[in-house]
Amino acid sequence: MKKLFLIAFVLVNQFTIAQQKMLTMEDALVNNRTTLATENLKMLQFIKGTGDYIYLKKTDGKERWIKGNFKTGEQDNFLTPQQLNIALLKIGSDTIVNMPAVQFSTDNAT
């Protein structure tokens, strides 16, 4: 039992030491807008009447809408350009290349 406690103590100690990296002047002045910059959630919006939020995320050069809830987490690929193009083709409309600005709502009004 003592060995298990000692191993757990050493592992926890190693993780806490790793989190105490001191920033250099270069990190503070140069990298504050690149590697140390906070992630901005593009077009973040909350859906009225729900606990859900939606934002536009770009990975691998492709944009897609991500839907999330603070209790249940995020749903990746909530709406992709391909899915939107399929729906647009069904109604006889032009397709898109880039994801347009969309306002999500729970209201049925247009």
PDB file of N, CA and C in Angstrom:
ATOM      1  N   MET A   1       0.824  -1.188   0.000  1.00  0.00           N
ATOM      2  CA  MET A   1       0.000   0.000   0.000  1.00  0.00           C
ATOM      3  C   MET A   1       0.873   1.257   0.000  1.00  0.00           C
ATOM      4  N   LYS A   2       1.989   1.186   0.731  1.00  0.00           N
ATOM      5  CA  LYS A   2       2.884   2.337   0.786  1.00  0.00           C
ATOM      6  C   LYS A   2       3.523   2.604  -0.577  1.00  0.00           C
ATOM      7  N   LYS A   3       3.821   1.512  -1.314  1.00  0.00           N
ATOM      8  CA  LYS A   3       4.414   1.677  -2.641  1.00  0.00           C
ATOM      9  C   LYS A   3       3.442   2.382  -3.582  1.00  0.00           C
ATOM     10  N   LEU A   4       2.177   1.996  -3.543  1.00  0.00           N
ATOM     11  CA  LEU A   4       1.163   2.609  -4.383  1.00  0.00           C
ATOM     12  C   LEU A   4       1.018   4.093  -4.066  1.00  0.00           C
ATOM     13  N   PHE A   5       1.009   4.409  -2.781  1.00  0.00           N
ATOM     14  CA  PHE A   5       0.917   5.806  -2.367  1.00  0.00           C
ATOM     15  C   PHE A   5       2.131   6.597  -2.843  1.00  0.00           C
ATOM     16  N   LEU A   6       3.320   6.016  -2.728  1.00  0.00           N
ATOM     17  CA  LEU A   6       4.551   6.689  -3.151  1.00  0.00           C
ATOM     18  C   LEU A   6       4.555   6.922  -4.662  1.00  0.00           C
ATOM     19  N   ILE A   7       4.115   5.926  -5.430  1.00  0.00           N
ATOM     20  CA  ILE A   7       4.063   6.082  -6.892  1.00  0.00           C
ATOM     21  C   ILE A   7       3.065   7.170  -7.275  1.00  0.00           C
ATOM     22  N   ALA A   8       1.891   7.169  -6.653  1.00  0.00           N
ATOM     23  CA  ALA A   8       0.892   8.201  -6.930  1.00  0.00           C
ATOM     24  C   ALA A   8       1.425   9.583  -6.573  1.00  0.00           C
ATOM     25  N   PHE A   9       2.118   9.695  -5.451  1.00  0.00           N
ATOM     26  CA  PHE A   9       2.681  10.983  -5.030  1.00  0.00           C
ATOM     27  C   PHE A   9       3.714  11.490  -6.034  1.00  0.00           C
ATOM     28  N   VAL A  10       4.580  10.607  -6.512  1.00  0.00           N
ATOM     29  CA  VAL A  10       5.614  11.002  -7.476  1.00  0.00           C
ATOM     30  C   VAL A  10       4.973  11.455  -8.788  1.00  0.00           C
ATOM     31  N   LEU A  11       3.960  10.730  -9.269  1.00  0.00           N
ATOM     32  CA  LEU A  11       3.300  11.108 -10.515  1.00  0.00           C
ATOM     33  C   LEU A  11       2.600  12.455 -10.392  1.00  0.00           C
ATOM     34  N   VAL A  12       1.878  12.672  -9.327  1.00  0.00           N
ATOM     35  CA  VAL A  12       1.189  13.944  -9.120  1.00  0.00           C
ATOM     36  C   VAL A  12       2.199  15.077  -9.011  1.00  0.00           C
ATOM     37  N   ASN A  13       3.285  14.842  -8.337  1.00  0.00           N
ATOM     38  CA  ASN A  13       4.334  15.848  -8.182  1.00  0.00           C
ATOM     39  C   ASN A  13       4.947  16.214  -9.533  1.00  0.00           C
ATOM     40  N   GLN A  14       5.153  15.233 -10.405  1.00  0.00           N
ATOM     41  CA  GLN A  14       5.727  15.501 -11.725  1.00  0.00           C
ATOM     42  C   GLN A  14       4.792  16.354 -12.573  1.00  0.00           C
ATOM     43  N   PHE A  15       3.490  16.079 -12.513  1.00  0.00           N
ATOM     44  CA  PHE A  15       2.532  16.852 -13.296  1.00  0.00           C
ATOM     45  C   PHE A  15       2.427  18.289 -12.799  1.00  0.00           C
ATOM     46  N   THR A  16       2.524  18.496 -11.511  1.00  0.00           N
ATOM     47  CA  THR A  16       2.430  19.871 -11.005  1.00  0.00           C
ATOM     48  C   THR A  16       3.686  20.663 -11.327  1.00  0.00           C
ATOM     49  N   ILE A  17       4.815  20.028 -11.353  1.00  0.00           N
ATOM     50  CA  ILE A  17       6.053  20.722 -11.712  1.00  0.00           C
ATOM     51  C   ILE A  17       6.028  21.120 -13.184  1.00  0.00           C
ATOM     52  N   ALA A  18       5.481  20.280 -14.035  1.00  0.00           N
ATOM     53  CA  ALA A  18       5.434  20.560 -15.471  1.00  0.00           C
ATOM     54  C   ALA A  18       4.562  21.767 -15.789  1.00  0.00           C
ATOM     55  N   GLN A  19       3.639  22.127 -14.919  1.00  0.00           N
ATOM     56  CA  GLN A  19       2.733  23.243 -15.169  1.00  0.00           C
ATOM     57  C   GLN A  19       3.309  24.588 -14.732  1.00  0.00           C
ATOM     58  N   GLN A  20       4.521  24.621 -14.213  1.00  0.00           N
ATOM     59  CA  GLN A  20       5.067  25.858 -13.683  1.00  0.00           C
ATOM     60  C   GLN A  20       6.204  26.412 -14.537  1.00  0.00           C
ATOM     61  N   LYS A  21       6.035  26.371 -15.840  1.00  0.00           N
ATOM     62  CA  LYS A  21       7.038  26.892 -16.754  1.00  0.00           C
ATOM     63  C   LYS A  21       7.026  28.419 -16.715  1.00  0.00           C
ATOM     64  N   MET A  22       8.171  29.002 -16.599  1.00  0.00           N
ATOM     65  CA  MET A  22       8.294  30.455 -16.596  1.00  0.00           C
ATOM     66  C   MET A  22       8.335  30.955 -18.040  1.00  0.00           C
ATOM     67  N   LEU A  23       7.653  32.040 -18.311  1.00  0.00           N
ATOM     68  CA  LEU A  23       7.676  32.642 -19.639  1.00  0.00           C
ATOM     69  C   LEU A  23       8.947  33.461 -19.825  1.00  0.00           C
ATOM     70  N   THR A  24       9.487  33.399 -21.018  1.00  0.00           N
ATOM     71  CA  THR A  24      10.620  34.255 -21.344  1.00  0.00           C
ATOM     72  C   THR A  24      10.088  35.576 -21.887  1.00  0.00           C
ATOM     73  N   MET A  25      10.948  36.541 -22.070  1.00  0.00           N
ATOM     74  CA  MET A  25      10.538  37.821 -22.648  1.00  0.00           C
ATOM     75  C   MET A  25      10.031  37.611 -24.076  1.00  0.00           C
ATOM     76  N   GLU A  26      10.652  36.689 -24.805  1.00  0.00           N
ATOM     77  CA  GLU A  26      10.202  36.407 -26.167  1.00  0.00           C
ATOM     78  C   GLU A  26       8.776  35.849 -26.161  1.00  0.00           C
ATOM     79  N   ASP A  27       8.500  34.923 -25.234  1.00  0.00           N
ATOM     80  CA  ASP A  27       7.144  34.387 -25.126  1.00  0.00           C
ATOM     81  C   ASP A  27       6.140  35.498 -24.847  1.00  0.00           C
ATOM     82  N   ALA A  28       6.474  36.353 -23.922  1.00  0.00           N
ATOM     83  CA  ALA A  28       5.538  37.396 -23.507  1.00  0.00           C
ATOM     84  C   ALA A  28       5.326  38.456 -24.585  1.00  0.00           C
ATOM     85  N   LEU A  29       6.358  38.796 -25.338  1.00  0.00           N
ATOM     86  CA  LEU A  29       6.249  39.890 -26.303  1.00  0.00           C
ATOM     87  C   LEU A  29       5.982  39.435 -27.732  1.00  0.00           C
ATOM     88  N   VAL A  30       6.558  38.327 -28.156  1.00  0.00           N
ATOM     89  CA  VAL A  30       6.448  37.898 -29.545  1.00  0.00           C
ATOM     90  C   VAL A  30       5.349  36.852 -29.731  1.00  0.00           C
ATOM     91  N   ASN A  31       5.310  35.861 -28.867  1.00  0.00           N
ATOM     92  CA  ASN A  31       4.386  34.742 -29.051  1.00  0.00           C
ATOM     93  C   ASN A  31       2.997  34.987 -28.477  1.00  0.00           C
ATOM     94  N   ASN A  32       2.759  36.167 -27.917  1.00  0.00           N
ATOM     95  CA  ASN A  32       1.451  36.410 -27.308  1.00  0.00           C
ATOM     96  C   ASN A  32       0.325  36.455 -28.333  1.00  0.00           C
ATOM     97  N   ARG A  33       0.635  36.626 -29.604  1.00  0.00           N
ATOM     98  CA  ARG A  33      -0.397  36.626 -30.642  1.00  0.00           C
ATOM     99  C   ARG A  33      -0.343  35.388 -31.531  1.00  0.00           C
ATOM    100  N   THR A  34       0.569  34.463 -31.222  1.00  0.00           N
ATOM    101  CA  THR A  34       0.663  33.250 -32.043  1.00  0.00           C
ATOM    102  C   THR A  34       0.451  32.015 -31.167  1.00  0.00           C
ATOM    103  N   THR A  35       1.520  31.447 -30.662  1.00  0.00           N
ATOM    104  CA  THR A  35       1.406  30.191 -29.922  1.00  0.00           C
ATOM    105  C   THR A  35       0.757  30.350 -28.558  1.00  0.00           C
ATOM    106  N   LEU A  36       0.809  31.524 -27.963  1.00  0.00           N
ATOM    107  CA  LEU A  36       0.201  31.741 -26.653  1.00  0.00           C
ATOM    108  C   LEU A  36      -1.138  32.458 -26.732  1.00  0.00           C
ATOM    109  N   ALA A  37      -1.608  32.725 -27.924  1.00  0.00           N
ATOM    110  CA  ALA A  37      -2.873  33.453 -28.081  1.00  0.00           C
ATOM    111  C   ALA A  37      -4.054  32.569 -27.697  1.00  0.00           C
ATOM    112  N   THR A  38      -5.083  33.209 -27.173  1.00  0.00           N
ATOM    113  CA  THR A  38      -6.301  32.475 -26.843  1.00  0.00           C
ATOM    114  C   THR A  38      -7.054  32.140 -28.123  1.00  0.00           C
ATOM    115  N   GLU A  39      -7.833  31.080 -28.079  1.00  0.00           N
ATOM    116  CA  GLU A  39      -8.621  30.683 -29.242  1.00  0.00           C
ATOM    117  C   GLU A  39      -9.912  31.489 -29.268  1.00  0.00           C
ATOM    118  N   ASN A  40     -10.148  32.140 -30.387  1.00  0.00           N
ATOM    119  CA  ASN A  40     -11.393  32.883 -30.557  1.00  0.00           C
ATOM    120  C   ASN A  40     -12.431  31.979 -31.205  1.00  0.00           C
ATOM    121  N   LEU A  41     -13.651  32.058 -30.713  1.00  0.00           N
ATOM    122  CA  LEU A  41     -14.734  31.277 -31.290  1.00  0.00           C
ATOM    123  C   LEU A  41     -15.446  32.157 -32.301  1.00  0.00           C
ATOM    124  N   LYS A  42     -15.234  31.853 -33.575  1.00  0.00           N
ATOM    125  CA  LYS A  42     -15.769  32.665 -34.668  1.00  0.00           C
ATOM    126  C   LYS A  42     -17.285  32.504 -34.751  1.00  0.00           C
ATOM    127  N   MET A  43     -17.977  33.612 -34.811  1.00  0.00           N
ATOM    128  CA  MET A  43     -19.432  33.676 -34.966  1.00  0.00           C
ATOM    129  C   MET A  43     -20.161  32.932 -33.845  1.00  0.00           C
ATOM    130  N   LEU A  44     -19.657  33.027 -32.631  1.00  0.00           N
ATOM    131  CA  LEU A  44     -20.291  32.389 -31.484  1.00  0.00           C
ATOM    132  C   LEU A  44     -21.667  32.988 -31.248  1.00  0.00           C
ATOM    133  N   GLN A  45     -22.655  32.121 -31.052  1.00  0.00           N
ATOM    134  CA  GLN A  45     -24.013  32.579 -30.755  1.00  0.00           C
ATOM    135  C   GLN A  45     -24.708  31.544 -29.883  1.00  0.00           C
ATOM    136  N   PHE A  46     -25.618  32.032 -29.071  1.00  0.00           N
ATOM    137  CA  PHE A  46     -26.407  31.172 -28.214  1.00  0.00           C
ATOM    138  C   PHE A  46     -27.790  31.030 -28.824  1.00  0.00           C
ATOM    139  N   ILE A  47     -28.344  29.828 -28.785  1.00  0.00           N
ATOM    140  CA  ILE A  47     -29.657  29.586 -29.357  1.00  0.00           C
ATOM    141  C   ILE A  47     -30.710  29.944 -28.316  1.00  0.00           C
ATOM    142  N   LYS A  48     -31.575  30.859 -28.696  1.00  0.00           N
ATOM    143  CA  LYS A  48     -32.598  31.400 -27.803  1.00  0.00           C
ATOM    144  C   LYS A  48     -33.478  30.286 -27.225  1.00  0.00           C
ATOM    145  N   GLY A  49     -33.681  30.342 -25.928  1.00  0.00           N
ATOM    146  CA  GLY A  49     -34.572  29.398 -25.267  1.00  0.00           C
ATOM    147  C   GLY A  49     -33.948  28.052 -24.946  1.00  0.00           C
ATOM    148  N   THR A  50     -32.660  27.882 -25.226  1.00  0.00           N
ATOM    149  CA  THR A  50     -31.980  26.617 -24.932  1.00  0.00           C
ATOM    150  C   THR A  50     -30.673  26.921 -24.209  1.00  0.00           C
ATOM    151  N   GLY A  51     -29.989  25.894 -23.801  1.00  0.00           N
ATOM    152  CA  GLY A  51     -28.665  26.045 -23.206  1.00  0.00           C
ATOM    153  C   GLY A  51     -27.578  25.763 -24.218  1.00  0.00           C
ATOM    154  N   ASP A  52     -27.910  25.822 -25.506  1.00  0.00           N
ATOM    155  CA  ASP A  52     -26.972  25.468 -26.575  1.00  0.00           C
ATOM    156  C   ASP A  52     -26.250  26.694 -27.128  1.00  0.00           C
ATOM    157  N   TYR A  53     -25.046  26.465 -27.610  1.00  0.00           N
ATOM    158  CA  TYR A  53     -24.283  27.488 -28.314  1.00  0.00           C
ATOM    159  C   TYR A  53     -23.757  26.893 -29.610  1.00  0.00           C
ATOM    160  N   ILE A  54     -23.450  27.751 -30.562  1.00  0.00           N
ATOM    161  CA  ILE A  54     -22.937  27.321 -31.861  1.00  0.00           C
ATOM    162  C   ILE A  54     -21.816  28.272 -32.262  1.00  0.00           C
ATOM    163  N   TYR A  55     -20.772  27.728 -32.866  1.00  0.00           N
ATOM    164  CA  TYR A  55     -19.704  28.574 -33.402  1.00  0.00           C
ATOM    165  C   TYR A  55     -19.111  27.920 -34.636  1.00  0.00           C
ATOM    166  N   LEU A  56     -18.430  28.735 -35.429  1.00  0.00           N
ATOM    167  CA  LEU A  56     -17.809  28.280 -36.673  1.00  0.00           C
ATOM    168  C   LEU A  56     -16.352  27.926 -36.395  1.00  0.00           C
ATOM    169  N   LYS A  57     -15.962  26.726 -36.798  1.00  0.00           N
ATOM    170  CA  LYS A  57     -14.598  26.254 -36.555  1.00  0.00           C
ATOM    171  C   LYS A  57     -13.958  25.856 -37.873  1.00  0.00           C
ATOM    172  N   LYS A  58     -12.693  26.210 -38.045  1.00  0.00           N
ATOM    173  CA  LYS A  58     -11.970  25.872 -39.263  1.00  0.00           C
ATOM    174  C   LYS A  58     -10.821  24.933 -38.923  1.00  0.00           C
ATOM    175  N   THR A  59     -10.869  23.738 -39.494  1.00  0.00           N
ATOM    176  CA  THR A  59      -9.778  22.779 -39.350  1.00  0.00           C
ATOM    177  C   THR A  59      -9.493  22.161 -40.700  1.00  0.00           C
ATOM    178  N   ASP A  60      -8.246  21.953 -40.971  1.00  0.00           N
ATOM    179  CA  ASP A  60      -7.813  21.380 -42.252  1.00  0.00           C
ATOM    180  C   ASP A  60      -8.330  22.183 -43.436  1.00  0.00           C
ATOM    181  N   GLY A  61      -8.453  23.496 -43.267  1.00  0.00           N
ATOM    182  CA  GLY A  61      -8.904  24.362 -44.348  1.00  0.00           C
ATOM    183  C   GLY A  61     -10.394  24.333 -44.615  1.00  0.00           C
ATOM    184  N   LYS A  62     -11.160  23.614 -43.795  1.00  0.00           N
ATOM    185  CA  LYS A  62     -12.601  23.505 -44.004  1.00  0.00           C
ATOM    186  C   LYS A  62     -13.339  24.049 -42.786  1.00  0.00           C
ATOM    187  N   GLU A  63     -14.392  24.835 -43.042  1.00  0.00           N
ATOM    188  CA  GLU A  63     -15.191  25.376 -41.964  1.00  0.00           C
ATOM    189  C   GLU A  63     -16.404  24.495 -41.709  1.00  0.00           C
ATOM    190  N   ARG A  64     -16.824  24.454 -40.452  1.00  0.00           N
ATOM    191  CA  ARG A  64     -18.032  23.723 -40.100  1.00  0.00           C
ATOM    192  C   ARG A  64     -18.589  24.311 -38.811  1.00  0.00           C
ATOM    193  N   TRP A  65     -19.884  24.147 -38.636  1.00  0.00           N
ATOM    194  CA  TRP A  65     -20.543  24.632 -37.427  1.00  0.00           C
ATOM    195  C   TRP A  65     -20.444  23.561 -36.352  1.00  0.00           C
ATOM    196  N   ILE A  66     -20.087  23.992 -35.149  1.00  0.00           N
ATOM    197  CA  ILE A  66     -19.999  23.117 -33.991  1.00  0.00           C
ATOM    198  C   ILE A  66     -21.087  23.536 -33.017  1.00  0.00           C
ATOM    199  N   LYS A  67     -21.876  22.577 -32.551  1.00  0.00           N
ATOM    200  CA  LYS A  67     -22.935  22.859 -31.580  1.00  0.00           C
ATOM    201  C   LYS A  67     -22.531  22.259 -30.247  1.00  0.00           C
ATOM    202  N   GLY A  68     -22.760  23.016 -29.192  1.00  0.00           N
ATOM    203  CA  GLY A  68     -22.402  22.522 -27.879  1.00  0.00           C
ATOM    204  C   GLY A  68     -23.416  22.903 -26.826  1.00  0.00           C
ATOM    205  N   ASN A  69     -23.282  22.254 -25.694  1.00  0.00           N
ATOM    206  CA  ASN A  69     -24.104  22.530 -24.538  1.00  0.00           C
ATOM    207  C   ASN A  69     -23.194  22.384 -23.329  1.00  0.00           C
ATOM    208  N   PHE A  70     -23.359  23.233 -22.346  1.00  0.00           N
ATOM    209  CA  PHE A  70     -22.460  23.203 -21.200  1.00  0.00           C
ATOM    210  C   PHE A  70     -22.601  21.910 -20.393  1.00  0.00           C
ATOM    211  N   LYS A  71     -23.740  21.260 -20.491  1.00  0.00           N
ATOM    212  CA  LYS A  71     -23.956  20.028 -19.741  1.00  0.00           C
ATOM    213  C   LYS A  71     -23.549  18.789 -20.524  1.00  0.00           C
ATOM    214  N   THR A  72     -23.793  18.777 -21.843  1.00  0.00           N
ATOM    215  CA  THR A  72     -23.562  17.568 -22.631  1.00  0.00           C
ATOM    216  C   THR A  72     -22.306  17.601 -23.489  1.00  0.00           C
ATOM    217  N   GLY A  73     -21.653  18.731 -23.601  1.00  0.00           N
ATOM    218  CA  GLY A  73     -20.449  18.826 -24.416  1.00  0.00           C
ATOM    219  C   GLY A  73     -20.742  19.297 -25.828  1.00  0.00           C
ATOM    220  N   GLU A  74     -19.788  19.081 -26.731  1.00  0.00           N
ATOM    221  CA  GLU A  74     -19.906  19.570 -28.104  1.00  0.00           C
ATOM    222  C   GLU A  74     -20.205  18.452 -29.087  1.00  0.00           C
ATOM    223  N   GLN A  75     -20.945  18.803 -30.125  1.00  0.00           N
ATOM    224  CA  GLN A  75     -21.263  17.894 -31.224  1.00  0.00           C
ATOM    225  C   GLN A  75     -20.469  18.364 -32.430  1.00  0.00           C
ATOM    226  N   ASP A  76     -19.462  17.589 -32.803  1.00  0.00           N
ATOM    227  CA  ASP A  76     -18.616  17.955 -33.928  1.00  0.00           C
ATOM    228  C   ASP A  76     -19.403  17.800 -35.228  1.00  0.00           C
ATOM    229  N   ASN A  77     -19.119  18.669 -36.190  1.00  0.00           N
ATOM    230  CA  ASN A  77     -19.769  18.630 -37.507  1.00  0.00           C
ATOM    231  C   ASN A  77     -21.290  18.746 -37.416  1.00  0.00           C
ATOM    232  N   PHE A  78     -21.775  19.716 -36.663  1.00  0.00           N
ATOM    233  CA  PHE A  78     -23.215  19.959 -36.583  1.00  0.00           C
ATOM    234  C   PHE A  78     -23.765  20.329 -37.951  1.00  0.00           C
ATOM    235  N   LEU A  79     -23.033  21.173 -38.672  1.00  0.00           N
ATOM    236  CA  LEU A  79     -23.432  21.543 -40.028  1.00  0.00           C
ATOM    237  C   LEU A  79     -22.177  21.818 -40.842  1.00  0.00           C
ATOM    238  N   THR A  80     -21.984  21.045 -41.898  1.00  0.00           N
ATOM    239  CA  THR A  80     -20.827  21.214 -42.775  1.00  0.00           C
ATOM    240  C   THR A  80     -21.286  21.835 -44.086  1.00  0.00           C
ATOM    241  N   PRO A  81     -20.369  22.415 -44.860  1.00  0.00           N
ATOM    242  CA  PRO A  81     -20.753  22.939 -46.179  1.00  0.00           C
ATOM    243  C   PRO A  81     -21.359  21.868 -47.080  1.00  0.00           C
ATOM    244  N   GLN A  82     -20.879  20.632 -46.985  1.00  0.00           N
ATOM    245  CA  GLN A  82     -21.422  19.551 -47.811  1.00  0.00           C
ATOM    246  C   GLN A  82     -22.885  19.284 -47.454  1.00  0.00           C
ATOM    247  N   GLN A  83     -23.188  19.243 -46.160  1.00  0.00           N
ATOM    248  CA  GLN A  83     -24.570  19.020 -45.728  1.00  0.00           C
ATOM    249  C   GLN A  83     -25.470  20.165 -46.184  1.00  0.00           C
ATOM    250  N   LEU A  84     -24.965  21.391 -46.085  1.00  0.00           N
ATOM    251  CA  LEU A  84     -25.739  22.547 -46.514  1.00  0.00           C
ATOM    252  C   LEU A  84     -25.967  22.521 -48.021  1.00  0.00           C
ATOM    253  N   ASN A  85     -24.948  22.122 -48.785  1.00  0.00           N
ATOM    254  CA  ASN A  85     -25.095  22.034 -50.244  1.00  0.00           C
ATOM    255  C   ASN A  85     -26.136  20.994 -50.647  1.00  0.00           C
ATOM    256  N   ILE A  86     -26.197  19.881 -49.948  1.00  0.00           N
ATOM    257  CA  ILE A  86     -27.210  18.867 -50.235  1.00  0.00           C
ATOM    258  C   ILE A  86     -28.609  19.441 -50.022  1.00  0.00           C
ATOM    259  N   ALA A  87     -28.788  20.168 -48.919  1.00  0.00           N
ATOM    260  CA  ALA A  87     -30.097  20.775 -48.644  1.00  0.00           C
ATOM    261  C   ALA A  87     -30.427  21.853 -49.664  1.00  0.00           C
ATOM    262  N   LEU A  88     -29.433  22.628 -50.094  1.00  0.00           N
ATOM    263  CA  LEU A  88     -29.669  23.670 -51.094  1.00  0.00           C
ATOM    264  C   LEU A  88     -30.038  23.071 -52.444  1.00  0.00           C
ATOM    265  N   LEU A  89     -29.401  21.970 -52.825  1.00  0.00           N
ATOM    266  CA  LEU A  89     -29.732  21.303 -54.087  1.00  0.00           C
ATOM    267  C   LEU A  89     -31.162  20.756 -54.080  1.00  0.00           C
ATOM    268  N   LYS A  90     -31.616  20.278 -52.929  1.00  0.00           N
ATOM    269  CA  LYS A  90     -32.969  19.738 -52.821  1.00  0.00           C
ATOM    270  C   LYS A  90     -34.034  20.799 -53.062  1.00  0.00           C
ATOM    271  N   ILE A  91     -33.732  22.044 -52.692  1.00  0.00           N
ATOM    272  CA  ILE A  91     -34.721  23.108 -52.907  1.00  0.00           C
ATOM    273  C   ILE A  91     -34.457  23.882 -54.194  1.00  0.00           C
ATOM    274  N   GLY A  92     -33.466  23.446 -54.982  1.00  0.00           N
ATOM    275  CA  GLY A  92     -33.182  24.065 -56.269  1.00  0.00           C
ATOM    276  C   GLY A  92     -32.419  25.363 -56.180  1.00  0.00           C
ATOM    277  N   SER A  93     -31.644  25.548 -55.132  1.00  0.00           N
ATOM    278  CA  SER A  93     -30.873  26.774 -54.949  1.00  0.00           C
ATOM    279  C   SER A  93     -29.411  26.536 -55.322  1.00  0.00           C
ATOM    280  N   ASP A  94     -28.666  27.630 -55.459  1.00  0.00           N
ATOM    281  CA  ASP A  94     -27.240  27.529 -55.761  1.00  0.00           C
ATOM    282  C   ASP A  94     -26.487  26.964 -54.561  1.00  0.00           C
ATOM    283  N   THR A  95     -25.385  26.269 -54.826  1.00  0.00           N
ATOM    284  CA  THR A  95     -24.564  25.724 -53.756  1.00  0.00           C
ATOM    285  C   THR A  95     -23.551  26.767 -53.301  1.00  0.00           C
ATOM    286  N   ILE A  96     -22.859  26.466 -52.212  1.00  0.00           N
ATOM    287  CA  ILE A  96     -21.885  27.390 -51.631  1.00  0.00           C
ATOM    288  C   ILE A  96     -20.486  26.801 -51.705  1.00  0.00           C
ATOM    289  N   VAL A  97     -19.498  27.652 -51.596  1.00  0.00           N
ATOM    290  CA  VAL A  97     -18.113  27.212 -51.513  1.00  0.00           C
ATOM    291  C   VAL A  97     -17.624  27.357 -50.073  1.00  0.00           C
ATOM    292  N   ASN A  98     -17.888  28.514 -49.486  1.00  0.00           N
ATOM    293  CA  ASN A  98     -17.521  28.786 -48.097  1.00  0.00           C
ATOM    294  C   ASN A  98     -18.777  28.880 -47.249  1.00  0.00           C
ATOM    295  N   MET A  99     -18.638  28.564 -45.988  1.00  0.00           N
ATOM    296  CA  MET A  99     -19.770  28.601 -45.075  1.00  0.00           C
ATOM    297  C   MET A  99     -20.240  30.039 -44.876  1.00  0.00           C
ATOM    298  N   PRO A 100     -21.526  30.315 -45.143  1.00  0.00           N
ATOM    299  CA  PRO A 100     -22.027  31.678 -44.978  1.00  0.00           C
ATOM    300  C   PRO A 100     -22.336  31.969 -43.507  1.00  0.00           C
ATOM    301  N   ALA A 101     -22.556  33.247 -43.214  1.00  0.00           N
ATOM    302  CA  ALA A 101     -22.989  33.644 -41.879  1.00  0.00           C
ATOM    303  C   ALA A 101     -24.432  33.194 -41.708  1.00  0.00           C
ATOM    304  N   VAL A 102     -24.689  32.501 -40.630  1.00  0.00           N
ATOM    305  CA  VAL A 102     -26.017  31.955 -40.371  1.00  0.00           C
ATOM    306  C   VAL A 102     -26.452  32.383 -38.983  1.00  0.00           C
ATOM    307  N   GLN A 103     -27.731  32.725 -38.838  1.00  0.00           N
ATOM    308  CA  GLN A 103     -28.290  33.028 -37.523  1.00  0.00           C
ATOM    309  C   GLN A 103     -29.193  31.872 -37.128  1.00  0.00           C
ATOM    310  N   PHE A 104     -28.842  31.151 -36.079  1.00  0.00           N
ATOM    311  CA  PHE A 104     -29.625  30.018 -35.623  1.00  0.00           C
ATOM    312  C   PHE A 104     -30.689  30.506 -34.635  1.00  0.00           C
ATOM    313  N   SER A 105     -31.857  29.906 -34.717  1.00  0.00           N
ATOM    314  CA  SER A 105     -32.970  30.323 -33.867  1.00  0.00           C
ATOM    315  C   SER A 105     -33.886  29.136 -33.640  1.00  0.00           C
ATOM    316  N   THR A 106     -34.602  29.147 -32.532  1.00  0.00           N
ATOM    317  CA  THR A 106     -35.602  28.114 -32.291  1.00  0.00           C
ATOM    318  C   THR A 106     -36.978  28.584 -32.724  1.00  0.00           C
ATOM    319  N   ASP A 107     -37.110  29.855 -33.107  1.00  0.00           N
ATOM    320  CA  ASP A 107     -38.392  30.390 -33.581  1.00  0.00           C
ATOM    321  C   ASP A 107     -38.706  29.840 -34.947  1.00  0.00           C
ATOM    322  N   ASN A 108     -39.997  29.678 -35.264  1.00  0.00           N
ATOM    323  CA  ASN A 108     -40.427  29.202 -36.573  1.00  0.00           C
ATOM    324  C   ASN A 108     -40.659  30.347 -37.538  1.00  0.00           C
ATOM    325  N   ALA A 109     -40.540  31.583 -37.071  1.00  0.00           N
ATOM    326  CA  ALA A 109     -40.753  32.750 -37.941  1.00  0.00           C
ATOM    327  C   ALA A 109     -39.592  32.881 -38.913  1.00  0.00           C
ATOM    328  N   THR A 110     -39.866  33.409 -40.095  1.00  0.00           N
ATOM    329  CA  THR A 110     -38.807  33.583 -41.094  1.00  0.00           C
ATOM    330  C   THR A 110     -38.357  35.011 -41.152  1.00  0.00           C
TER     331      THR A 110
END
